C-alpha atoms as a PDB file:
ATOM      1  CA  MET A   1     -24.192   6.361 -20.012  1.00  0.00           C
ATOM      2  CA  LYS A   2     -22.560   3.859 -18.728  1.00  0.00           C
ATOM      3  CA  GLN A   3     -19.035   4.390 -19.527  1.00  0.00           C
ATOM      4  CA  TYR A   4     -15.067   4.519 -18.082  1.00  0.00           C
ATOM      5  CA  GLN A   5     -14.090   6.923 -14.675  1.00  0.00           C
ATOM      6  CA  LYS A   6     -10.329   7.668 -14.287  1.00  0.00           C
ATOM      7  CA  MET A   7      -9.744   6.042 -11.080  1.00  0.00           C
ATOM      8  CA  VAL A   8      -6.807   5.144  -9.040  1.00  0.00           C
ATOM      9  CA  VAL A   9      -6.464   0.651  -9.278  1.00  0.00           C
ATOM     10  CA  ILE A  10      -4.545  -1.178  -6.881  1.00  0.00           C
ATOM     11  CA  PHE A  11      -4.703  -5.333  -6.922  1.00  0.00           C
ATOM     12  CA  VAL A  12      -2.929  -7.319  -4.590  1.00  0.00           C
ATOM     13  CA  ASP A  13      -1.905 -10.605  -4.281  1.00  0.00           C
ATOM     14  CA  LEU A  14      -0.813 -12.589  -0.800  1.00  0.00           C
ATOM     15  CA  LEU A  15       2.428 -14.592  -1.663  1.00  0.00           C
ATOM     16  CA  GLY A  16       3.026 -18.692  -0.110  1.00  0.00           C
ATOM     17  CA  THR A  17      -0.691 -18.919   0.540  1.00  0.00           C
ATOM     18  CA  GLU A  18      -1.052 -22.503  -1.756  1.00  0.00           C
ATOM     19  CA  ASN A  19      -1.468 -24.024   2.241  1.00  0.00           C
ATOM     20  CA  ASN A  20      -3.630 -21.393   3.161  1.00  0.00           C
ATOM     21  CA  VAL A  21      -7.516 -23.824   3.322  1.00  0.00           C
ATOM     22  CA  LYS A  22      -8.665 -22.564   7.021  1.00  0.00           C
ATOM     23  CA  PHE A  23     -11.623 -20.842   6.795  1.00  0.00           C
ATOM     24  CA  GLU A  24     -10.791 -18.321   9.664  1.00  0.00           C
ATOM     25  CA  ASP A  25      -7.542 -17.192   7.649  1.00  0.00           C
ATOM     26  CA  LYS A  26      -9.002 -16.881   4.910  1.00  0.00           C
ATOM     27  CA  LEU A  27     -12.061 -14.878   6.555  1.00  0.00           C
ATOM     28  CA  PHE A  28      -9.196 -12.546   8.563  1.00  0.00           C
ATOM     29  CA  ILE A  29      -7.480 -11.606   5.306  1.00  0.00           C
ATOM     30  CA  HIS A  30     -11.330 -10.722   3.888  1.00  0.00           C
ATOM     31  CA  ARG A  31     -12.265  -8.788   6.112  1.00  0.00           C
ATOM     32  CA  ILE A  32      -8.720  -6.756   6.044  1.00  0.00           C
ATOM     33  CA  PHE A  33      -9.301  -5.988   2.616  1.00  0.00           C
ATOM     34  CA  HIS A  34     -12.338  -4.853   3.133  1.00  0.00           C
ATOM     35  CA  SER A  35     -12.080  -3.331   6.561  1.00  0.00           C
ATOM     36  CA  GLU A  36     -11.149   0.812   5.091  1.00  0.00           C
ATOM     37  CA  ALA A  37     -14.072   1.021   3.110  1.00  0.00           C
ATOM     38  CA  LYS A  38     -16.151   0.471   5.459  1.00  0.00           C
ATOM     39  CA  GLN A  39     -14.859   2.867   7.417  1.00  0.00           C
ATOM     40  CA  ASN A  40     -14.882   4.953   4.733  1.00  0.00           C
ATOM     41  CA  GLU A  41     -19.089   4.290   4.572  1.00  0.00           C
ATOM     42  CA  SER A  42     -18.916   5.070   7.827  1.00  0.00           C
ATOM     43  CA  ARG A  43     -17.353   8.102   7.495  1.00  0.00           C
ATOM     44  CA  ASN A  44     -18.846   9.512   4.173  1.00  0.00           C
ATOM     45  CA  LEU A  45     -17.604  13.277   5.007  1.00  0.00           C
ATOM     46  CA  GLU A  46     -19.115  15.567   2.595  1.00  0.00           C
ATOM     47  CA  ASN A  47     -15.812  17.335   1.903  1.00  0.00           C
ATOM     48  CA  VAL A  48     -14.283  14.407   1.094  1.00  0.00           C
ATOM     49  CA  VAL A  49     -14.209  13.784  -3.239  1.00  0.00           C
ATOM     50  CA  TYR A  50     -13.053  10.389  -3.254  1.00  0.00           C
ATOM     51  CA  ASP A  51     -14.851   7.359  -2.583  1.00  0.00           C
ATOM     52  CA  ARG A  52     -13.155   3.844  -2.347  1.00  0.00           C
ATOM     53  CA  LYS A  53     -14.758  -0.138  -3.695  1.00  0.00           C
ATOM     54  CA  VAL A  54     -13.316  -3.467  -2.985  1.00  0.00           C
ATOM     55  CA  TYR A  55     -13.469  -6.723  -5.036  1.00  0.00           C
ATOM     56  CA  SER A  56     -11.726  -9.371  -2.758  1.00  0.00           C
ATOM     57  CA  PHE A  57     -11.311 -13.300  -4.079  1.00  0.00           C
ATOM     58  CA  SER A  58      -9.176 -16.216  -2.661  1.00  0.00           C
ATOM     59  CA  ASP A  59      -5.949 -14.362  -1.464  1.00  0.00           C
ATOM     60  CA  CYS A  60      -6.108 -11.349  -3.969  1.00  0.00           C
ATOM     61  CA  ALA A  61      -8.116  -8.044  -3.782  1.00  0.00           C
ATOM     62  CA  TYR A  62      -8.392  -5.089  -6.062  1.00  0.00           C
ATOM     63  CA  PHE A  63      -8.872  -1.836  -4.222  1.00  0.00           C
ATOM     64  CA  PHE A  64     -10.641   1.556  -6.693  1.00  0.00           C
ATOM     65  CA  TYR A  65     -10.498   4.524  -5.394  1.00  0.00           C
ATOM     66  CA  TYR A  66     -12.269   7.034  -7.408  1.00  0.00           C
ATOM     67  CA  TYR A  67     -14.217  11.180  -7.575  1.00  0.00           C
ATOM     68  CA  LYS A  68     -17.822  10.827  -6.398  1.00  0.00           C
ATOM     69  CA  ASP A  69     -20.774  12.311  -9.126  1.00  0.00           C
ATOM     70  CA  GLY A  70     -20.937  15.953  -9.217  1.00  0.00           C
ATOM     71  CA  ILE A  71     -17.380  16.471  -7.958  1.00  0.00           C
ATOM     72  CA  GLU A  72     -16.352  19.934  -9.777  1.00  0.00           C
ATOM     73  CA  GLU A  73     -12.966  19.472 -12.102  1.00  0.00           C
ATOM     74  CA  SER A  74     -10.853  22.053 -10.217  1.00  0.00           C
ATOM     75  CA  ARG A  75     -11.521  19.887  -6.744  1.00  0.00           C
ATOM     76  CA  LYS A  76      -9.715  17.181  -8.563  1.00  0.00           C
ATOM     77  CA  ASP A  77      -6.141  16.373  -7.954  1.00  0.00           C
ATOM     78  CA  ASP A  78      -4.740  12.737  -9.265  1.00  0.00           C
ATOM     79  CA  MET A  79      -1.837  12.384  -7.400  1.00  0.00           C
ATOM     80  CA  LYS A  80      -3.369  13.217  -3.774  1.00  0.00           C
ATOM     81  CA  LEU A  81      -5.867  10.780  -5.089  1.00  0.00           C
ATOM     82  CA  LEU A  82      -3.320   8.432  -5.674  1.00  0.00           C
ATOM     83  CA  GLN A  83      -1.949   9.246  -2.289  1.00  0.00           C
ATOM     84  CA  ILE A  84      -5.165   8.762  -0.606  1.00  0.00           C
ATOM     85  CA  ALA A  85      -5.306   5.346  -2.474  1.00  0.00           C
ATOM     86  CA  MET A  86      -1.663   4.069  -1.461  1.00  0.00           C
ATOM     87  CA  HIS A  87      -2.616   5.769   2.360  1.00  0.00           C
ATOM     88  CA  ASN A  88      -4.952   3.537   2.656  1.00  0.00           C
ATOM     89  CA  THR A  89      -4.183   0.631   1.102  1.00  0.00           C
ATOM     90  CA  ALA A  90      -1.231   0.615   2.750  1.00  0.00           C
ATOM     91  CA  LEU A  91      -2.656   0.371   6.467  1.00  0.00           C
ATOM     92  CA  SER A  92      -4.708  -2.579   5.182  1.00  0.00           C
ATOM     93  CA  LEU A  93      -1.148  -4.162   3.907  1.00  0.00           C
ATOM     94  CA  LEU A  94       0.518  -3.553   7.562  1.00  0.00           C
ATOM     95  CA  ARG A  95      -2.497  -6.163   9.068  1.00  0.00           C
ATOM     96  CA  ILE A  96      -1.799  -8.112   6.185  1.00  0.00           C
ATOM     97  CA  LEU A  97       2.188  -8.051   6.766  1.00  0.00           C
ATOM     98  CA  ASN A  98       1.939  -8.510  10.756  1.00  0.00           C
ATOM     99  CA  SER A  99      -0.124 -11.724  10.089  1.00  0.00           C
ATOM    100  CA  GLY A 100       2.744 -13.256   8.424  1.00  0.00           C
ATOM    101  CA  TYR A 101       1.877 -12.734   5.081  1.00  0.00           C
ATOM    102  CA  LEU A 102       4.362 -11.013   1.860  1.00  0.00           C
ATOM    103  CA  VAL A 103       1.988  -9.448  -0.785  1.00  0.00           C
ATOM    104  CA  ARG A 104       2.896  -8.135  -4.061  1.00  0.00           C
ATOM    105  CA  GLY A 105       0.556  -6.020  -6.583  1.00  0.00           C
ATOM    106  CA  GLY A 106       0.488  -3.317  -9.399  1.00  0.00           C
ATOM    107  CA  ILE A 107      -0.890   0.179  -9.217  1.00  0.00           C
ATOM    108  CA  MET A 108      -2.609   2.318 -12.211  1.00  0.00           C
ATOM    109  CA  LEU A 109      -4.328   5.781 -12.960  1.00  0.00           C
ATOM    110  CA  GLY A 110      -6.091   5.310 -15.538  1.00  0.00           C
ATOM    111  CA  ASP A 111      -9.779   4.115 -16.915  1.00  0.00           C
ATOM    112  CA  ALA A 112     -12.240   1.747 -15.048  1.00  0.00           C
ATOM    113  CA  TYR A 113     -15.664   0.249 -14.836  1.00  0.00           C
ATOM    114  CA  PHE A 114     -17.065  -1.537 -12.368  1.00  0.00           C
ATOM    115  CA  ASP A 115     -20.683  -2.430 -11.241  1.00  0.00           C
ATOM    116  CA  GLU A 116     -22.637  -5.243  -8.763  1.00  0.00           C
ATOM    117  CA  LEU A 117     -21.284  -7.885 -11.199  1.00  0.00           C
ATOM    118  CA  GLY A 118     -18.035  -6.547 -11.672  1.00  0.00           C
ATOM    119  CA  PHE A 119     -15.631  -4.705 -13.352  1.00  0.00           C
ATOM    120  CA  PHE A 120     -13.025  -4.162 -15.705  1.00  0.00           C
ATOM    121  CA  GLY A 121     -10.879  -1.847 -17.686  1.00  0.00           C
ATOM    122  CA  PRO A 122      -7.400  -0.942 -19.128  1.00  0.00           C
ATOM    123  CA  ALA A 123      -6.520   0.064 -15.530  1.00  0.00           C
ATOM    124  CA  VAL A 124      -7.278  -3.033 -14.238  1.00  0.00           C
ATOM    125  CA  GLU A 125      -5.225  -5.003 -16.456  1.00  0.00           C
ATOM    126  CA  VAL A 126      -2.302  -3.026 -15.770  1.00  0.00           C
ATOM    127  CA  ALA A 127      -2.188  -3.305 -12.852  1.00  0.00           C
ATOM    128  CA  TYR A 128      -2.771  -7.027 -12.908  1.00  0.00           C
ATOM    129  CA  LYS A 129       0.087  -7.666 -15.173  1.00  0.00           C
ATOM    130  CA  LEU A 130       2.531  -4.779 -13.288  1.00  0.00           C
ATOM    131  CA  GLU A 131       1.797  -7.564 -10.241  1.00  0.00           C
ATOM    132  CA  SER A 132       2.486 -10.977 -12.182  1.00  0.00           C
ATOM    133  CA  LYS A 133       4.395 -10.027 -15.004  1.00  0.00           C
ATOM    134  CA  TYR A 134       6.840  -6.833 -13.304  1.00  0.00           C
ATOM    135  CA  ALA A 135       7.482  -6.454 -10.266  1.00  0.00           C
ATOM    136  CA  LYS A 136       8.521 -10.083  -9.298  1.00  0.00           C
ATOM    137  CA  VAL A 137       9.820  -9.411  -5.330  1.00  0.00           C
ATOM    138  CA  PRO A 138       7.702  -8.738  -2.930  1.00  0.00           C
ATOM    139  CA  ILE A 139       6.156  -5.053  -3.786  1.00  0.00           C
ATOM    140  CA  VAL A 140       3.343  -3.382  -5.174  1.00  0.00           C
ATOM    141  CA  ALA A 141       4.958  -1.809  -8.310  1.00  0.00           C
ATOM    142  CA  LEU A 142       3.237   1.223  -9.195  1.00  0.00           C
ATOM    143  CA  GLN A 143       3.421   1.678 -13.592  1.00  0.00           C
ATOM    144  CA  PRO A 144       6.565   3.378 -14.285  1.00  0.00           C
ATOM    145  CA  GLU A 145       5.125   7.037 -15.979  1.00  0.00           C
ATOM    146  CA  LEU A 146       3.086   6.900 -12.322  1.00  0.00           C
ATOM    147  CA  GLY A 147       5.691   6.344 -10.067  1.00  0.00           C
ATOM    148  CA  GLN A 148       7.870   8.638 -11.502  1.00  0.00           C
ATOM    149  CA  ARG A 149       5.865  11.232 -11.729  1.00  0.00           C
ATOM    150  CA  PHE A 150       4.133  10.866  -7.810  1.00  0.00           C
ATOM    151  CA  SER A 151       7.674  10.372  -6.565  1.00  0.00           C
ATOM    152  CA  SER A 152       8.342  13.640  -7.579  1.00  0.00           C
ATOM    153  CA  TRP A 153       4.907  15.491  -6.861  1.00  0.00           C
ATOM    154  CA  GLU A 154       5.385  13.572  -3.372  1.00  0.00           C
ATOM    155  CA  LEU A 155       8.701  15.778  -3.709  1.00  0.00           C
ATOM    156  CA  SER A 156       7.395  18.947  -4.515  1.00  0.00           C
ATOM    157  CA  GLN A 157       4.807  19.162  -1.175  1.00  0.00           C
ATOM    158  CA  THR A 158       7.095  17.744   1.051  1.00  0.00           C
ATOM    159  CA  ASN A 159       8.940  20.588   3.218  1.00  0.00           C
ATOM    160  CA  MET A 160      12.125  19.847   3.628  1.00  0.00           C
ATOM    161  CA  GLU A 161      13.532  22.537   6.294  1.00  0.00           C
ATOM    162  CA  LEU A 162      10.806  20.842   8.065  1.00  0.00           C
ATOM    163  CA  VAL A 163      11.992  17.499   7.761  1.00  0.00           C
ATOM    164  CA  GLU A 164      16.000  18.512   8.428  1.00  0.00           C
ATOM    165  CA  LEU A 165      14.605  19.481  12.173  1.00  0.00           C
ATOM    166  CA  LEU A 166      12.256  17.143  13.249  1.00  0.00           C
ATOM    167  CA  MET A 167      13.318  14.185  11.178  1.00  0.00           C
ATOM    168  CA  THR A 168      16.759  11.932  10.910  1.00  0.00           C
ATOM    169  CA  GLY A 169      15.850  11.530   6.874  1.00  0.00           C
ATOM    170  CA  ARG A 170      12.711  11.916   4.630  1.00  0.00           C
ATOM    171  CA  PRO A 171      10.783   8.802   4.393  1.00  0.00           C
ATOM    172  CA  LYS A 172       8.536   8.358   1.091  1.00  0.00           C
ATOM    173  CA  LEU A 173       5.613   6.882   0.397  1.00  0.00           C
ATOM    174  CA  VAL A 174       6.551   5.484  -3.024  1.00  0.00           C
ATOM    175  CA  GLU A 175      10.329   3.866  -2.854  1.00  0.00           C
ATOM    176  CA  GLN A 176      13.248   3.373  -5.994  1.00  0.00           C
ATOM    177  CA  PHE A 177      13.951  -0.095  -6.681  1.00  0.00           C
ATOM    178  CA  GLU A 178      16.356  -0.294 -10.307  1.00  0.00           C
ATOM    179  CA  GLU A 179      14.090   1.074 -11.985  1.00  0.00           C
ATOM    180  CA  LYS A 180      10.643   0.501 -10.524  1.00  0.00           C
ATOM    181  CA  TYR A 181       8.608   2.495  -8.432  1.00  0.00           C
ATOM    182  CA  PHE A 182       6.733   0.794  -5.652  1.00  0.00           C
ATOM    183  CA  LEU A 183       4.772   1.639  -2.309  1.00  0.00           C
ATOM    184  CA  ASN A 184       6.241   1.819   0.555  1.00  0.00           C
ATOM    185  CA  MET A 185       4.260  -0.140   2.899  1.00  0.00           C
ATOM    186  CA  PHE A 186       5.965   0.525   6.405  1.00  0.00           C
ATOM    187  CA  TYR A 187       5.703   4.781   5.326  1.00  0.00           C
ATOM    188  CA  GLN A 188       3.311   5.004   8.053  1.00  0.00           C
ATOM    189  CA  LEU A 189       5.255   4.184  10.527  1.00  0.00           C
ATOM    190  CA  GLU A 190       8.444   5.524   9.794  1.00  0.00           C
ATOM    191  CA  ALA A 191       7.285   8.529   9.281  1.00  0.00           C
ATOM    192  CA  PHE A 192       5.044   9.256  12.438  1.00  0.00           C
ATOM    193  CA  ASN A 193       4.718   6.831  15.331  1.00  0.00           C
ATOM    194  CA  PRO A 194       6.639   3.603  15.707  1.00  0.00           C
ATOM    195  CA  SER A 195       3.200   1.958  16.696  1.00  0.00           C
ATOM    196  CA  LEU A 196       0.211   2.090  15.267  1.00  0.00           C
ATOM    197  CA  HIS A 197      -3.185   1.210  16.601  1.00  0.00           C
ATOM    198  CA  LEU A 198      -5.320  -0.483  13.467  1.00  0.00           C
ATOM    199  CA  GLU A 199      -8.735  -2.171  14.472  1.00  0.00           C
ATOM    200  CA  THR A 200      -7.713  -4.500  17.228  1.00  0.00           C
ATOM    201  CA  GLU A 201      -4.143  -4.420  16.340  1.00  0.00           C
ATOM    202  CA  GLU A 202      -0.977  -2.377  17.725  1.00  0.00           C
ATOM    203  CA  ILE A 203       1.772  -2.921  15.310  1.00  0.00           C
ATOM    204  CA  GLU A 204       4.978  -1.446  15.972  1.00  0.00           C
ATOM    205  CA  ILE A 205       7.728  -1.347  13.640  1.00  0.00           C
ATOM    206  CA  ASN A 206      10.258  -3.247  15.635  1.00  0.00           C
ATOM    207  CA  CYS A 207       7.883  -6.240  16.268  1.00  0.00           C
ATOM    208  CA  LEU A 208       6.967  -6.484  12.873  1.00  0.00           C
ATOM    209  CA  LYS A 209      10.122  -6.541  11.330  1.00  0.00           C
ATOM    210  CA  LYS A 210      10.986  -9.200  13.708  1.00  0.00           C
ATOM    211  CA  LYS A 211       8.129 -11.085  12.765  1.00  0.00           C
ATOM    212  CA  LEU A 212       9.016 -10.846   9.089  1.00  0.00           C
ATOM    213  CA  PHE A 213      12.291 -12.124   9.554  1.00  0.00           C
ATOM    214  CA  GLU A 214      11.107 -15.520  11.445  1.00  0.00           C
ATOM    215  CA  VAL A 215       8.231 -15.572   8.266  1.00  0.00           C
ATOM    216  CA  ILE A 216      11.593 -15.479   6.169  1.00  0.00           C
ATOM    217  CA  SER A 217      13.128 -17.647   7.368  1.00  0.00           C
ATOM    218  CA  ARG A 218      10.496 -20.372   7.791  1.00  0.00           C
ATOM    219  CA  ASP A 219      10.482 -20.066   3.989  1.00  0.00           C
ATOM    220  CA  LYS A 220      13.988 -20.471   3.193  1.00  0.00           C
ATOM    221  CA  VAL A 221      13.898 -23.618   5.307  1.00  0.00           C
ATOM    222  CA  LYS A 222      10.782 -24.927   2.962  1.00  0.00           C
ATOM    223  CA  CYS A 223      12.238 -22.930  -0.298  1.00  0.00           C
ATOM    224  CA  ALA A 224      15.672 -23.608  -0.215  1.00  0.00           C
ATOM    225  CA  GLU A 225      15.631 -25.723  -3.749  1.00  0.00           C
ATOM    226  CA  ASN A 226      13.561 -23.009  -5.395  1.00  0.00           C
ATOM    227  CA  ALA A 227      16.217 -20.466  -6.813  1.00  0.00           C
ATOM    228  CA  ASP A 228      13.574 -17.923  -7.949  1.00  0.00           C
ATOM    229  CA  VAL A 229      11.994 -17.612  -4.294  1.00  0.00           C
ATOM    230  CA  MET A 230      14.912 -17.881  -2.560  1.00  0.00           C
ATOM    231  CA  LEU A 231      15.752 -14.510  -4.568  1.00  0.00           C
ATOM    232  CA  LYS A 232      12.749 -12.908  -3.199  1.00  0.00           C
ATOM    233  CA  LEU A 233      12.846 -14.278  -0.451  1.00  0.00           C
ATOM    234  CA  ASN A 234      16.559 -12.515  -0.374  1.00  0.00           C
ATOM    235  CA  TRP A 235      15.311  -9.685  -1.224  1.00  0.00           C
ATOM    236  CA  MET A 236      12.562  -8.825   1.192  1.00  0.00           C
ATOM    237  CA  GLU A 237      15.091 -10.109   4.087  1.00  0.00           C
ATOM    238  CA  GLU A 238      17.204  -6.844   2.725  1.00  0.00           C
ATOM    239  CA  TYR A 239      14.804  -4.712   2.514  1.00  0.00           C
ATOM    240  CA  VAL A 240      13.314  -5.423   5.731  1.00  0.00           C
ATOM    241  CA  LYS A 241      16.303  -4.575   7.606  1.00  0.00           C
ATOM    242  CA  THR A 242      16.195  -0.940   5.971  1.00  0.00           C
ATOM    243  CA  LYS A 243      12.759  -0.255   7.295  1.00  0.00           C
ATOM    244  CA  ARG A 244      13.394   2.370  10.521  1.00  0.00           C
ATOM    245  CA  ASN A 245      11.188   5.300  11.976  1.00  0.00           C
ATOM    246  CA  TYR A 246      12.751   8.699  11.217  1.00  0.00           C
ATOM    247  CA  LEU A 247      11.793  10.736  13.963  1.00  0.00           C
ATOM    248  CA  ARG A 248      13.619  12.943  15.893  1.00  0.00           C
ATOM    249  CA  HIS A 249      11.604  11.407  19.260  1.00  0.00           C
ATOM    250  CA  ASP A 250      14.359  13.913  21.383  1.00  0.00           C
ATOM    251  CA  ILE A 251      12.537  16.897  19.690  1.00  0.00           C
ATOM    252  CA  VAL A 252       8.967  15.534  18.756  1.00  0.00           C
ATOM    253  CA  GLY A 253       8.476  13.123  21.377  1.00  0.00           C
ATOM    254  CA  ASN A 254       5.875  10.243  20.778  1.00  0.00           C
ATOM    255  CA  GLY A 255       3.768  12.473  18.425  1.00  0.00           C
ATOM    256  CA  PHE A 256       3.692  13.954  14.943  1.00  0.00           C
ATOM    257  CA  SER A 257       0.724  14.897  12.338  1.00  0.00           C
ATOM    258  CA  GLY A 258       3.540  14.802   8.837  1.00  0.00           C
ATOM    259  CA  ILE A 259       5.212  16.187   6.671  1.00  0.00           C
ATOM    260  CA  VAL A 260       2.954  16.497   3.673  1.00  0.00           C
ATOM    261  CA  SER A 261       0.883  19.500   2.755  1.00  0.00           C
ATOM    262  CA  ASP A 262      -2.628  18.940   2.216  1.00  0.00           C
ATOM    263  CA  GLU A 263      -3.257  22.707   0.164  1.00  0.00           C
END
């Protein structure tokens, strides 16, 4: 019997792409959206409890993370599923940022359904509304109660003694701006090595920041008369300034496995 299933639903929209009409650019974005899904399919490990589905259209995408059929209830952990979904999606979004695009989106954990024809459900609608009506600035926003719940869980899973020993601060997968919780797309570059190899790309945190500052400066010139866009760009500029790698490299060198327990 077909019915709703609890899933993590992430909706992402690229900003400022009205003039993005080249086939090559559209194809590149399409491939980024689907690259992690293909890697999941190639691994398809028996011990992995989740699966993923991606639907992309134009400069938008929906990511669905859900439990595989037959997984025992005792093995299901909604916060871990959300953590995996956000971490994997953040890697795809890093590649999009590195290509000179800003993004906005929404994240919800709830009921959804998809098949070969399409998708629908309450979580799909909430994720879209978070992007279109709630986020405002270039963030991928979590539904407020979900964001608060995950932030508390993330802290409970963090070994603070290890953080204080190996890091200059605690990077967070979910950050907070005013009352809004949102995905930290820089998390991998802040919590682990400051550079990351994704398919054919080498992404380094300071080079990425430089590229984003150039994009923001360019867009400020083009949109100087648009107060709403300028507000978003100014916010993003100040946010990017805060991004840095937290590792104490004199202690850990150039490698670190992480600070969140998988137990």
